[in-house]
Each structure stands twice: as C-alpha cells, then as structure tokens.
N, C-alpha and C. Protein backbone atom coordinates (compact mmCIF):
# COMPACT_ATOMS: atom_id res chain seq x y z
N MET A 1 0.84 -1.17 0.00
CA MET A 1 0.00 0.00 0.00
C MET A 1 0.89 1.24 0.00
N GLU A 2 0.60 2.16 -0.86
CA GLU A 2 1.37 3.38 -1.01
C GLU A 2 0.58 4.56 -0.43
N TYR A 3 1.31 5.40 0.34
CA TYR A 3 0.66 6.59 0.93
C TYR A 3 1.13 7.83 0.21
N ASN A 4 0.22 8.67 -0.08
CA ASN A 4 0.53 9.94 -0.74
C ASN A 4 0.12 11.08 0.19
N PHE A 5 1.09 11.94 0.55
CA PHE A 5 0.82 13.06 1.45
C PHE A 5 1.08 14.38 0.73
N PRO A 6 0.12 14.82 -0.07
CA PRO A 6 0.33 16.06 -0.83
C PRO A 6 0.39 17.30 0.06
N MET A 7 -0.07 17.23 1.30
CA MET A 7 -0.09 18.37 2.20
C MET A 7 1.30 18.66 2.79
N ILE A 8 2.17 17.69 2.85
CA ILE A 8 3.47 17.87 3.51
C ILE A 8 4.31 18.96 2.84
N PRO A 9 4.47 19.00 1.52
CA PRO A 9 5.27 20.07 0.94
C PRO A 9 4.67 21.46 1.23
N ARG A 10 3.34 21.57 1.18
CA ARG A 10 2.72 22.87 1.48
C ARG A 10 2.91 23.25 2.95
N LEU A 11 2.82 22.28 3.83
CA LEU A 11 3.02 22.54 5.26
C LEU A 11 4.47 22.97 5.52
N MET A 12 5.42 22.32 4.88
CA MET A 12 6.83 22.69 5.05
C MET A 12 7.08 24.11 4.52
N LYS A 13 6.46 24.45 3.39
CA LYS A 13 6.61 25.78 2.84
C LYS A 13 6.02 26.82 3.80
N PHE A 14 4.84 26.52 4.36
CA PHE A 14 4.21 27.42 5.32
C PHE A 14 5.10 27.62 6.54
N ILE A 15 5.65 26.56 7.09
CA ILE A 15 6.52 26.65 8.27
C ILE A 15 7.77 27.47 7.94
N SER A 16 8.36 27.21 6.77
CA SER A 16 9.55 27.94 6.36
C SER A 16 9.26 29.43 6.22
N GLU A 17 8.16 29.79 5.57
CA GLU A 17 7.82 31.20 5.39
C GLU A 17 7.49 31.87 6.72
N THR A 18 6.84 31.15 7.62
CA THR A 18 6.52 31.69 8.94
C THR A 18 7.79 31.97 9.73
N LEU A 19 8.73 31.04 9.69
CA LEU A 19 10.00 31.23 10.39
C LEU A 19 10.78 32.41 9.81
N GLN A 20 10.77 32.54 8.50
CA GLN A 20 11.44 33.69 7.86
C GLN A 20 10.82 35.01 8.31
N ALA A 21 9.49 35.05 8.39
CA ALA A 21 8.80 36.27 8.83
C ALA A 21 9.13 36.59 10.28
N ILE A 22 9.20 35.58 11.13
CA ILE A 22 9.54 35.77 12.54
C ILE A 22 10.97 36.29 12.69
N VAL A 23 11.89 35.71 11.96
CA VAL A 23 13.29 36.15 12.01
C VAL A 23 13.41 37.59 11.50
N PHE A 24 12.72 37.90 10.41
CA PHE A 24 12.77 39.24 9.85
C PHE A 24 12.18 40.25 10.85
N ALA A 25 11.03 39.93 11.45
CA ALA A 25 10.41 40.83 12.43
C ALA A 25 11.32 41.00 13.65
N GLY A 26 11.96 39.92 14.08
CA GLY A 26 12.89 40.00 15.21
C GLY A 26 14.09 40.89 14.90
N ALA A 27 14.59 40.79 13.68
CA ALA A 27 15.73 41.62 13.28
C ALA A 27 15.34 43.10 13.26
N ILE A 28 14.15 43.40 12.75
CA ILE A 28 13.68 44.79 12.74
C ILE A 28 13.52 45.29 14.18
N PHE A 29 12.92 44.47 15.05
CA PHE A 29 12.74 44.87 16.44
C PHE A 29 14.08 45.15 17.10
N LEU A 30 15.06 44.28 16.91
CA LEU A 30 16.39 44.49 17.51
C LEU A 30 17.05 45.75 16.97
N PHE A 31 16.92 45.99 15.68
CA PHE A 31 17.50 47.20 15.10
C PHE A 31 16.89 48.44 15.74
N VAL A 32 15.57 48.48 15.83
CA VAL A 32 14.89 49.64 16.42
C VAL A 32 15.25 49.75 17.90
N TYR A 33 15.19 48.66 18.65
CA TYR A 33 15.44 48.66 20.09
C TYR A 33 16.88 49.06 20.42
N LEU A 34 17.83 48.54 19.70
CA LEU A 34 19.23 48.81 20.02
C LEU A 34 19.72 50.15 19.48
N LEU A 35 19.19 50.62 18.37
CA LEU A 35 19.75 51.81 17.73
C LEU A 35 18.82 53.02 17.68
N LEU A 36 17.52 52.85 17.64
CA LEU A 36 16.62 53.97 17.40
C LEU A 36 15.78 54.40 18.60
N ALA A 37 15.03 53.48 19.18
CA ALA A 37 14.10 53.82 20.26
C ALA A 37 14.00 52.67 21.24
N GLN A 38 13.72 53.03 22.49
CA GLN A 38 13.62 52.02 23.54
C GLN A 38 12.46 52.38 24.46
N PRO A 39 11.63 51.40 24.83
CA PRO A 39 10.54 51.69 25.75
C PRO A 39 11.05 51.82 27.19
N HIS A 40 10.40 52.71 27.97
CA HIS A 40 10.71 52.88 29.38
C HIS A 40 9.41 53.08 30.15
N LYS A 41 9.41 52.64 31.39
CA LYS A 41 8.26 52.81 32.27
C LYS A 41 8.63 53.83 33.34
N ILE A 42 7.75 54.80 33.58
CA ILE A 42 7.95 55.77 34.64
C ILE A 42 7.62 55.08 35.96
N SER A 43 8.57 55.12 36.89
CA SER A 43 8.36 54.52 38.21
C SER A 43 8.54 55.61 39.26
N GLY A 44 7.44 55.95 39.91
CA GLY A 44 7.51 56.95 40.96
C GLY A 44 6.94 58.30 40.54
N ALA A 45 7.05 59.25 41.46
CA ALA A 45 6.40 60.55 41.29
C ALA A 45 7.39 61.67 40.98
N SER A 46 8.64 61.36 40.70
CA SER A 46 9.66 62.41 40.58
C SER A 46 9.47 63.35 39.40
N MET A 47 8.68 62.97 38.40
CA MET A 47 8.50 63.84 37.24
C MET A 47 7.06 64.35 37.11
N GLU A 48 6.24 64.13 38.13
CA GLU A 48 4.88 64.65 38.09
C GLU A 48 4.91 66.17 38.16
N PRO A 49 4.00 66.85 37.54
CA PRO A 49 2.80 66.38 36.87
C PRO A 49 3.00 66.06 35.39
N ASN A 50 4.21 66.24 34.87
CA ASN A 50 4.45 66.06 33.44
C ASN A 50 4.53 64.61 33.00
N PHE A 51 5.01 63.75 33.87
CA PHE A 51 5.07 62.31 33.60
C PHE A 51 4.60 61.62 34.87
N ILE A 52 3.67 60.69 34.73
CA ILE A 52 3.08 60.07 35.92
C ILE A 52 3.55 58.63 36.10
N ASP A 53 3.43 58.15 37.34
CA ASP A 53 3.80 56.79 37.69
C ASP A 53 3.07 55.80 36.78
N ASN A 54 3.79 54.80 36.31
CA ASN A 54 3.28 53.74 35.44
C ASN A 54 2.97 54.19 34.01
N GLU A 55 3.44 55.34 33.64
CA GLU A 55 3.31 55.81 32.26
C GLU A 55 4.43 55.15 31.44
N TYR A 56 4.16 54.85 30.19
CA TYR A 56 5.17 54.26 29.32
C TYR A 56 5.53 55.24 28.22
N LEU A 57 6.82 55.31 27.91
CA LEU A 57 7.27 56.20 26.85
C LEU A 57 8.37 55.55 26.05
N LEU A 58 8.57 56.09 24.86
CA LEU A 58 9.69 55.67 24.01
C LEU A 58 10.80 56.70 24.15
N THR A 59 12.01 56.22 24.22
CA THR A 59 13.19 57.07 24.30
C THR A 59 13.87 57.08 22.95
N ASN A 60 14.11 58.27 22.42
CA ASN A 60 14.80 58.46 21.15
C ASN A 60 16.30 58.29 21.42
N LYS A 61 16.91 57.27 20.84
CA LYS A 61 18.32 56.98 21.08
C LYS A 61 19.24 57.59 20.02
N VAL A 62 18.67 58.25 19.01
CA VAL A 62 19.45 58.78 17.90
C VAL A 62 19.87 60.23 18.14
N SER A 63 18.99 61.03 18.73
CA SER A 63 19.22 62.48 18.87
C SER A 63 20.61 62.83 19.35
N TYR A 64 21.05 62.21 20.43
CA TYR A 64 22.31 62.62 21.04
C TYR A 64 23.54 62.02 20.34
N ARG A 65 23.31 61.26 19.30
CA ARG A 65 24.43 60.85 18.44
C ARG A 65 24.69 61.94 17.40
N LEU A 66 23.66 62.76 17.16
CA LEU A 66 23.75 63.80 16.14
C LEU A 66 23.99 65.19 16.71
N ARG A 67 23.63 65.38 17.98
CA ARG A 67 23.78 66.69 18.62
C ARG A 67 23.90 66.51 20.13
N GLU A 68 24.23 67.60 20.80
CA GLU A 68 24.38 67.58 22.26
C GLU A 68 23.01 67.78 22.93
N PRO A 69 22.82 67.22 24.12
CA PRO A 69 21.58 67.48 24.86
C PRO A 69 21.44 68.97 25.17
N GLU A 70 20.19 69.42 25.29
CA GLU A 70 19.90 70.82 25.55
C GLU A 70 19.14 70.99 26.86
N ARG A 71 19.28 72.16 27.44
CA ARG A 71 18.58 72.49 28.67
C ARG A 71 17.07 72.34 28.46
N GLY A 72 16.41 71.77 29.44
CA GLY A 72 14.96 71.60 29.39
C GLY A 72 14.52 70.27 28.83
N GLU A 73 15.42 69.56 28.14
CA GLU A 73 15.05 68.26 27.59
C GLU A 73 14.96 67.22 28.70
N VAL A 74 14.03 66.29 28.52
CA VAL A 74 13.85 65.20 29.47
C VAL A 74 14.63 64.00 28.96
N VAL A 75 15.53 63.48 29.82
CA VAL A 75 16.39 62.38 29.41
C VAL A 75 16.20 61.17 30.32
N VAL A 76 16.48 60.01 29.75
CA VAL A 76 16.53 58.77 30.51
C VAL A 76 18.00 58.40 30.60
N PHE A 77 18.45 58.02 31.81
CA PHE A 77 19.86 57.71 32.00
C PHE A 77 20.01 56.61 33.04
N GLU A 78 21.18 56.00 33.04
CA GLU A 78 21.51 54.97 34.02
C GLU A 78 21.72 55.65 35.37
N ALA A 79 20.95 55.22 36.35
CA ALA A 79 20.99 55.86 37.67
C ALA A 79 22.32 55.62 38.36
N PRO A 80 22.88 56.70 38.93
CA PRO A 80 24.11 56.54 39.71
C PRO A 80 23.80 55.78 40.99
N PRO A 81 24.71 55.12 41.63
CA PRO A 81 26.11 55.05 41.23
C PRO A 81 26.43 53.87 40.32
N ASN A 82 25.53 52.86 40.25
CA ASN A 82 25.92 51.63 39.55
C ASN A 82 25.15 51.38 38.26
N GLY A 83 24.18 52.21 37.90
CA GLY A 83 23.49 52.07 36.63
C GLY A 83 22.58 50.87 36.52
N GLU A 84 22.15 50.30 37.66
CA GLU A 84 21.29 49.12 37.61
C GLU A 84 19.85 49.47 37.22
N LYS A 85 19.50 50.74 37.32
CA LYS A 85 18.15 51.19 37.07
C LYS A 85 18.22 52.43 36.18
N ASP A 86 17.14 52.73 35.46
CA ASP A 86 17.09 53.95 34.66
C ASP A 86 16.28 55.01 35.40
N PHE A 87 16.73 56.25 35.32
CA PHE A 87 16.02 57.40 35.86
C PHE A 87 15.59 58.28 34.70
N ILE A 88 14.54 59.06 34.94
CA ILE A 88 14.12 60.07 33.98
C ILE A 88 14.11 61.41 34.70
N LYS A 89 14.81 62.39 34.14
CA LYS A 89 14.93 63.72 34.74
C LYS A 89 15.05 64.76 33.63
N ARG A 90 15.00 66.03 34.03
CA ARG A 90 15.10 67.13 33.09
C ARG A 90 16.49 67.76 33.19
N ILE A 91 17.11 68.05 32.04
CA ILE A 91 18.42 68.72 32.04
C ILE A 91 18.22 70.18 32.42
N ILE A 92 18.98 70.60 33.44
CA ILE A 92 18.90 71.96 33.95
C ILE A 92 20.13 72.77 33.57
N ALA A 93 21.31 72.16 33.67
CA ALA A 93 22.54 72.88 33.34
C ALA A 93 23.45 71.99 32.50
N LEU A 94 24.17 72.64 31.59
CA LEU A 94 25.02 71.99 30.61
C LEU A 94 26.49 72.04 31.02
N PRO A 95 27.35 71.27 30.37
CA PRO A 95 28.78 71.29 30.69
C PRO A 95 29.35 72.71 30.63
N GLY A 96 30.13 73.06 31.65
CA GLY A 96 30.77 74.37 31.70
C GLY A 96 29.92 75.46 32.33
N GLU A 97 28.66 75.21 32.56
CA GLU A 97 27.81 76.21 33.19
C GLU A 97 27.91 76.11 34.71
N THR A 98 27.45 77.15 35.41
CA THR A 98 27.41 77.11 36.87
C THR A 98 25.96 77.01 37.32
N VAL A 99 25.77 76.35 38.47
CA VAL A 99 24.45 76.16 39.05
C VAL A 99 24.49 76.62 40.50
N ARG A 100 23.41 77.26 40.92
CA ARG A 100 23.27 77.68 42.32
C ARG A 100 21.80 77.58 42.68
N ILE A 101 21.54 77.07 43.89
CA ILE A 101 20.18 77.05 44.42
C ILE A 101 20.15 78.07 45.55
N SER A 102 19.23 79.02 45.43
CA SER A 102 19.13 80.09 46.42
C SER A 102 17.67 80.49 46.58
N GLY A 103 17.20 80.53 47.83
CA GLY A 103 15.82 80.91 48.06
C GLY A 103 14.83 80.00 47.37
N ASN A 104 15.15 78.71 47.28
CA ASN A 104 14.30 77.69 46.63
C ASN A 104 14.13 77.92 45.13
N ARG A 105 15.06 78.65 44.54
CA ARG A 105 15.06 78.88 43.09
C ARG A 105 16.39 78.42 42.52
N VAL A 106 16.39 78.10 41.22
CA VAL A 106 17.58 77.61 40.54
C VAL A 106 18.15 78.74 39.68
N PHE A 107 19.48 78.91 39.76
CA PHE A 107 20.17 79.90 38.95
C PHE A 107 21.22 79.19 38.10
N VAL A 108 21.24 79.49 36.82
CA VAL A 108 22.24 78.94 35.90
C VAL A 108 23.03 80.12 35.36
N ASN A 109 24.35 80.07 35.55
CA ASN A 109 25.24 81.17 35.15
C ASN A 109 24.78 82.50 35.75
N GLY A 110 24.28 82.43 36.98
CA GLY A 110 23.88 83.63 37.71
C GLY A 110 22.50 84.17 37.38
N VAL A 111 21.80 83.55 36.45
CA VAL A 111 20.48 84.02 36.03
C VAL A 111 19.42 83.00 36.49
N GLU A 112 18.34 83.52 37.10
CA GLU A 112 17.28 82.61 37.55
C GLU A 112 16.70 81.86 36.36
N LEU A 113 16.57 80.55 36.52
CA LEU A 113 16.06 79.69 35.46
C LEU A 113 14.55 79.81 35.38
N VAL A 114 14.05 80.09 34.20
CA VAL A 114 12.61 80.12 33.95
C VAL A 114 12.20 78.71 33.56
N GLU A 115 11.24 78.14 34.30
CA GLU A 115 10.84 76.76 34.07
C GLU A 115 9.32 76.67 33.84
N PRO A 116 8.89 76.95 32.61
CA PRO A 116 7.45 76.97 32.32
C PRO A 116 6.77 75.60 32.43
N TYR A 117 7.54 74.53 32.48
CA TYR A 117 7.00 73.18 32.58
C TYR A 117 6.63 72.81 34.01
N LEU A 118 6.98 73.65 34.99
CA LEU A 118 6.68 73.38 36.40
C LEU A 118 5.41 74.12 36.83
N PRO A 119 4.66 73.51 37.77
CA PRO A 119 3.51 74.23 38.31
C PRO A 119 3.97 75.48 39.06
N LEU A 120 3.15 76.53 39.04
CA LEU A 120 3.47 77.75 39.77
C LEU A 120 3.70 77.42 41.25
N GLY A 121 4.69 78.05 41.82
CA GLY A 121 4.98 77.86 43.24
C GLY A 121 5.92 76.70 43.54
N THR A 122 6.37 75.99 42.51
CA THR A 122 7.31 74.89 42.75
C THR A 122 8.60 75.45 43.33
N GLU A 123 9.07 74.82 44.40
CA GLU A 123 10.31 75.24 45.04
C GLU A 123 11.38 74.18 44.86
N THR A 124 12.61 74.64 44.72
CA THR A 124 13.75 73.74 44.59
C THR A 124 14.61 73.91 45.83
N ARG A 125 14.57 72.93 46.70
CA ARG A 125 15.31 73.01 47.94
C ARG A 125 16.75 72.54 47.74
N SER A 126 17.64 73.14 48.51
CA SER A 126 19.03 72.69 48.49
C SER A 126 19.15 71.42 49.33
N THR A 127 20.31 70.76 49.25
CA THR A 127 20.56 69.53 50.01
C THR A 127 21.95 69.62 50.63
N SER A 128 22.30 68.62 51.42
CA SER A 128 23.65 68.62 52.00
C SER A 128 24.71 68.47 50.91
N PHE A 129 24.38 67.76 49.83
CA PHE A 129 25.32 67.62 48.72
C PHE A 129 25.40 68.92 47.92
N PHE A 130 24.26 69.59 47.83
CA PHE A 130 24.16 70.80 47.04
C PHE A 130 23.62 71.92 47.93
N PRO A 131 24.47 72.51 48.80
CA PRO A 131 24.01 73.47 49.80
C PRO A 131 23.52 74.80 49.21
N GLU A 132 22.69 75.48 49.97
CA GLU A 132 22.15 76.78 49.63
C GLU A 132 23.26 77.76 49.27
N ASN A 133 23.07 78.48 48.16
CA ASN A 133 23.96 79.54 47.69
C ASN A 133 25.35 79.10 47.24
N GLN A 134 25.61 77.81 47.18
CA GLN A 134 26.91 77.35 46.69
C GLN A 134 26.88 77.32 45.16
N VAL A 135 27.86 77.96 44.54
CA VAL A 135 27.97 77.96 43.08
C VAL A 135 28.83 76.77 42.67
N VAL A 136 28.28 75.93 41.82
CA VAL A 136 29.00 74.73 41.39
C VAL A 136 29.07 74.71 39.87
N ALA A 137 30.25 74.41 39.33
CA ALA A 137 30.43 74.32 37.88
C ALA A 137 30.17 72.89 37.41
N VAL A 138 29.43 72.78 36.32
CA VAL A 138 29.14 71.47 35.73
C VAL A 138 30.38 71.02 34.96
N PRO A 139 30.92 69.84 35.29
CA PRO A 139 32.13 69.35 34.59
C PRO A 139 31.88 69.05 33.11
N GLU A 140 32.96 68.92 32.37
CA GLU A 140 32.89 68.52 30.96
C GLU A 140 32.17 67.19 30.84
N ASN A 141 31.41 67.04 29.76
CA ASN A 141 30.68 65.80 29.47
C ASN A 141 29.72 65.40 30.59
N SER A 142 29.23 66.37 31.35
CA SER A 142 28.31 66.09 32.44
C SER A 142 27.13 67.07 32.40
N TYR A 143 26.08 66.70 33.11
CA TYR A 143 24.87 67.51 33.14
C TYR A 143 24.30 67.53 34.55
N PHE A 144 23.63 68.64 34.88
CA PHE A 144 22.92 68.77 36.14
C PHE A 144 21.45 68.54 35.82
N VAL A 145 20.82 67.56 36.47
CA VAL A 145 19.43 67.19 36.17
C VAL A 145 18.57 67.28 37.43
N LEU A 146 17.31 67.62 37.23
CA LEU A 146 16.34 67.67 38.32
C LEU A 146 15.04 67.01 37.87
N GLY A 147 14.32 66.43 38.84
CA GLY A 147 12.98 65.96 38.57
C GLY A 147 12.02 67.14 38.60
N ASP A 148 10.91 67.03 37.91
CA ASP A 148 9.92 68.12 37.90
C ASP A 148 9.19 68.23 39.23
N ASN A 149 9.06 67.14 39.93
CA ASN A 149 8.42 67.12 41.25
C ASN A 149 9.54 67.24 42.29
N ARG A 150 10.02 68.44 42.49
CA ARG A 150 11.25 68.70 43.24
C ARG A 150 11.26 68.14 44.66
N ASP A 151 10.09 68.08 45.32
CA ASP A 151 10.07 67.56 46.69
C ASP A 151 10.14 66.04 46.74
N HIS A 152 9.93 65.38 45.63
CA HIS A 152 9.93 63.91 45.60
C HIS A 152 10.84 63.38 44.50
N SER A 153 12.02 63.97 44.37
CA SER A 153 12.92 63.57 43.30
C SER A 153 14.33 63.32 43.82
N LEU A 154 14.84 62.18 43.47
CA LEU A 154 16.25 61.85 43.69
C LEU A 154 16.96 62.30 42.42
N ASP A 155 17.77 63.37 42.51
CA ASP A 155 18.36 63.96 41.31
C ASP A 155 19.76 64.50 41.60
N SER A 156 20.25 65.40 40.77
CA SER A 156 21.63 65.89 40.91
C SER A 156 21.88 66.57 42.25
N ARG A 157 20.84 67.02 42.93
CA ARG A 157 21.03 67.58 44.26
C ARG A 157 21.48 66.52 45.25
N THR A 158 21.22 65.26 44.92
CA THR A 158 21.57 64.14 45.80
C THR A 158 22.77 63.35 45.30
N PHE A 159 22.77 63.00 44.00
CA PHE A 159 23.84 62.13 43.48
C PHE A 159 24.85 62.84 42.60
N GLY A 160 24.68 64.13 42.40
CA GLY A 160 25.65 64.87 41.60
C GLY A 160 25.32 64.86 40.12
N PHE A 161 26.31 65.19 39.35
CA PHE A 161 26.15 65.33 37.90
C PHE A 161 26.06 63.96 37.24
N ILE A 162 25.40 63.93 36.07
CA ILE A 162 25.38 62.69 35.30
C ILE A 162 26.30 62.85 34.10
N LYS A 163 26.95 61.77 33.73
CA LYS A 163 27.84 61.78 32.56
C LYS A 163 27.03 61.60 31.29
N LYS A 164 27.51 62.21 30.23
CA LYS A 164 26.82 62.09 28.94
C LYS A 164 26.69 60.64 28.51
N ASP A 165 27.72 59.84 28.73
CA ASP A 165 27.65 58.45 28.28
C ASP A 165 26.69 57.59 29.09
N SER A 166 26.13 58.12 30.19
CA SER A 166 25.12 57.37 30.94
C SER A 166 23.71 57.65 30.41
N ILE A 167 23.59 58.62 29.52
CA ILE A 167 22.27 58.97 28.97
C ILE A 167 21.87 57.94 27.91
N THR A 168 20.72 57.32 28.14
CA THR A 168 20.17 56.33 27.21
C THR A 168 19.55 57.02 26.01
N GLY A 169 18.85 58.13 26.28
CA GLY A 169 18.21 58.85 25.18
C GLY A 169 17.29 59.93 25.69
N LYS A 170 16.63 60.57 24.76
CA LYS A 170 15.71 61.67 25.02
C LYS A 170 14.28 61.12 25.07
N ALA A 171 13.51 61.53 26.09
CA ALA A 171 12.10 61.15 26.13
C ALA A 171 11.44 61.69 24.87
N TRP A 172 10.72 60.83 24.17
CA TRP A 172 10.26 61.18 22.83
C TRP A 172 8.75 61.07 22.66
N PHE A 173 8.16 59.93 23.09
CA PHE A 173 6.74 59.70 22.82
C PHE A 173 6.12 58.88 23.94
N VAL A 174 5.06 59.40 24.56
CA VAL A 174 4.30 58.66 25.57
C VAL A 174 3.28 57.80 24.83
N TYR A 175 3.25 56.49 25.14
CA TYR A 175 2.29 55.62 24.45
C TYR A 175 1.32 54.92 25.37
N TRP A 176 1.52 55.05 26.69
CA TRP A 176 0.56 54.44 27.62
C TRP A 176 0.50 55.25 28.89
N PRO A 177 -0.66 55.52 29.41
CA PRO A 177 -1.99 55.14 28.96
C PRO A 177 -2.41 55.89 27.69
N PRO A 178 -3.31 55.29 26.91
CA PRO A 178 -3.67 55.86 25.61
C PRO A 178 -4.17 57.31 25.67
N GLN A 179 -4.89 57.68 26.72
CA GLN A 179 -5.42 59.04 26.79
C GLN A 179 -4.32 60.08 26.99
N LEU A 180 -3.11 59.66 27.37
CA LEU A 180 -2.00 60.59 27.53
C LEU A 180 -0.98 60.47 26.40
N ALA A 181 -1.28 59.61 25.41
CA ALA A 181 -0.34 59.37 24.32
C ALA A 181 -0.05 60.66 23.53
N GLY A 182 1.20 60.80 23.16
CA GLY A 182 1.61 61.94 22.35
C GLY A 182 3.08 62.20 22.48
N SER A 183 3.59 63.10 21.66
CA SER A 183 5.00 63.40 21.69
C SER A 183 5.35 64.24 22.91
N VAL A 184 6.61 64.12 23.35
CA VAL A 184 7.11 64.85 24.50
C VAL A 184 7.71 66.16 23.99
N ASP A 185 7.28 67.29 24.55
CA ASP A 185 7.83 68.59 24.14
C ASP A 185 9.22 68.76 24.71
C-alpha cells in the first residue's frame, strides 16, 4: 500500500515562510530597540505632573548621536552610582555652566532659570550635597538634572552630575496610557 501526502510540501513551505517572517520581524525589532528607540516605564512621582507613575514612553536613542543634549530636555539615564536602574529627569545645566540654588530657586550662570514646565509655586530646595547659595560648575561631558516634582525627586542635588555616556536617550513619545499618548515637548 502506497501513501501519498500532498499536504506535507505545502506545510513545510508554510513553516519555512513563517520562520522567515519571525526572524525578519525580530531583526527589525532588535534594530529599532538597540539603535533607534527604547521603551521605558515611569516609576515613581519624581516627574509629576508632566510624567506620571506607570506611564510608558519611548526614548529616542538617535538624537544625542547627532547633537548635544539641551537644557529643558527630558532624558533617561543609568541611575548613579551603579546604573542598575534607569532614571528620567530634566536637564537643567550643561557642561561648563554654573548652578546655584538660592531661596528655593535655581540659577544657571547667575540668572534665575525660567521653568514653564513646572507648576506655579514649585520650590527647589538645596541639600547637604548641594548646599544653599553654593555655586557649582558642571564638569565637561556632564549635566545637572532635576525631577519636575522637586520635593519627591532623587536627582543631581543628591547624586551629583550625570555623565553624557550614561544617557540612554531623550524622552520622545508617551504611548501608555492611551489618553496621555503623544510626543514629549
């Protein structure tokens, strides 16, 4: 008795094409994830009201390969001292600039920083690491960062400056929850 299985070649072709599609999709995902954009989850209240706990965003990993970070941009970086976790904060001062906290206000190069992204009345308190009225220069290849929710933020007032090479990327697009989805200014 002879058996004829005409379905086997078609099944093998289907499996082969499915595997090719999976490999191709995986390669595209890895390319995007490693070189272009990376998802991050906001954990905690340090960036409220602009970014809320459990919000998800994409980080643009290309921008800072083409240009330097700018004041006011929101960045994701490896948290000091060991980089086991990612933090999200706002760049306040750039390399070579001076920073001073006085009267619960931030001064960059001696000029009070205007921060339209903060709620009115937000105060920036000094810390033992960053005492009141002390003028500190931002080192080369480093940045001074603060959370938008200044009373509930672990930031440069606590751990010091962040190095440029610790920056993962620029906050780019919020995608969850859907009602808050949109690009980051």
